[in-house]
Every structure is written in C-alpha cells, then in structure tokens.
Amino acid sequence: MSPQKTRYLPYVGLLVATLLWASSFIALKLAFRAYDPMVVIFGRMIIASLFVFLFFRPFKTSSFRKKDLKPLLFLALCEPCLYFIFEAIAIKNTSASQAGMVTATLPLIVAVAAWFFLKERLTSRNVTGFLLAIVGVGLLSIGSEVTANAPNPLFGNFMEFLAMIAASGYIVTMKRLSKYYTPLFITSFQALIGSVFYFPLLFLPITELPISIEPVSIFAVVYLGIFVTFGAYGSYNYAVSKIPASQATAFVSLIPVFTLIMGMLILNDSLTAIQGLASLLVFIGIYVSQSRQSRQISH
C-alpha cells in the first residue's frame, strides 16, 4: 500500500471506532433488557478475550517491560473496568441518545487531563469550550423526561460523565504506552484484565445470573465483545499510535451524532426542546475548544 493511502488509515480507523462505539449504546440497551449489566459486561470481555487469543497471537507482537506493568494496569482499570461500570449504570438509567450526547465532552476532558498530567498547553478557548460543554450536559440532564428508556436520566447522565473521566485516563495512558506496545497487545491486555476484573462480580448478591436464552440480547453481547470491545478499541488504539491523541479524540465528537440517529431509528428515542438546545450548547463548546488560533495557558 502506498504512503499516500496509509496516511488515511488512522482516520478510517477512527471512523470505524466511533461508529462501533455509537452502536454500543444501542446494543447495551438491547442486552440489558434480558440480562444483568455485570453479566453483559463479563460476557463481552470473555468473548473478546477468546476471540483475540483464538485468532491472533497478541502477546508476541511486543516485548513486555516490567516497568510498564503499573501504567498498563492503570489503563485497564480506567477502561474497561471503571468505564464499563459507570456506563452500565448510565445505560440502565438514561436513554442511549442522551448517554451518547454526554460523550461529546470527552475531547475537552482529555485536553484538560493532558494539560494537567502531560504538561501539554491548554488554550483559553479550550477552557471556555469545556465550561460550555459542561453546562450543556447539565441542561441536557435537567431538561430530560422520565421515560421507559430513561427511568432516571439525571443520575444516568452523571454516571456517563464519570465514564468519560475514566476514558480520559485510558487515552492519556494509551498515548504513552503506544510508543512501546502494538495496538493489538494493548487491546488484548484490556480484554484479559477486564475478564479477570468482572468475573468475581458475577457472584455478588445483587447480580442476577441468566435463567433463560434471549436471542436478541445474546446477539447484542456477542456483538459487543467482538465488534466493540475488540474492533472499536483495536481501531482506536491503532489510530492513537499513529496520530496525536488530541487529534484522535476529536473524532469522539461524532459518537453523539451517530448514537442519536441510531437511538431514534432503533429504540424510538427522542429529545425535548430543552435537550435539543443543550445538545447544541455541547457542540458549540466543542467547536470553540477546537480553535487553533487561541491564547495558550502554560501549566
């Protein structure tokens, strides 16, 4: 493949990842209709692990360095461990469309995290955009209505916001580790640690184990394991290894758009007038934060 074509591969990977991540909100809603969230999350982790170890040799693609064990474990703790717990709670309480909208704040959270932890520069417009997006997410929750798909949207949207904070920890750490490990190695490590982390949670008193076979929900779990946990993370990890993390994270802004369309088409989700304005405010905040001609703030 020519260099001209390979330069576009990271962007193709980002589009694939955002489409798959957007569809994950729909798949989770379908899976949670029949199965406990912890069962669904463990299922997607173990399916992803089995898939990658049956068809690939992930740990032969990189030489492990002992000093990287802690950052690797921290990466996996952020995502999939904490991220999926927060997201599972979010999806049980809010609509897929609203949860997707909250993900629009991720590029801004990553920018702040990179400024704080990596000493990267942060612009005044980044700060303004971040605050606008946060206000938008708040209005999105306040203006939400209780429905069958969103029994407690205020709490659910807050949990999704916490998931975005966990995701920012994953992205910042991933960028550091991508210098030494292949995307396949990191994706496989995430799936393996996720399986180990969620297995004991199956035996909690509050976890309801499956008592029936529901084809749609089972298909959703398999889809989450292969296409989302392995496919989306693999594509995104590849992209981050090739281009700046902030540039890659900007593509996450597409997730709300894709999720909103899928939610309306598949789950009959809808937004109130206030939520529509709040969503617009989130996007304005993102647009403001992406301006290159802005005054820089040193750490």
Foldseek 3Di string as FASTA:
>chain_A
DDPVVVVCLLVVLLVLLLLLVLCLLVLLLQLVVAFFLLVLLLLLLVLLLCVCVVPHDFVVQFDDDPVCPVLLVLLLCLPPNLLSVLLNLLQQAAASLLLLLLLLLLLLLLLVVCCVPVQDWAFPLSVVLNVLLVVLNQLLQVQDDDDPRHNRNNSSSVSSNVSSNSVSSNLVSLLVCLVGHALSNSLSSSSVVSNVNSPVVCPDPPGDDHDDDDPSSVVSSSCCNHCNSRVSSSSLSNSSSPDPSSVSSNSSNCSSVSNNVCCCVPVVDDGDPSNVVSSVSNVVSSVSRPDPPGHIDGD
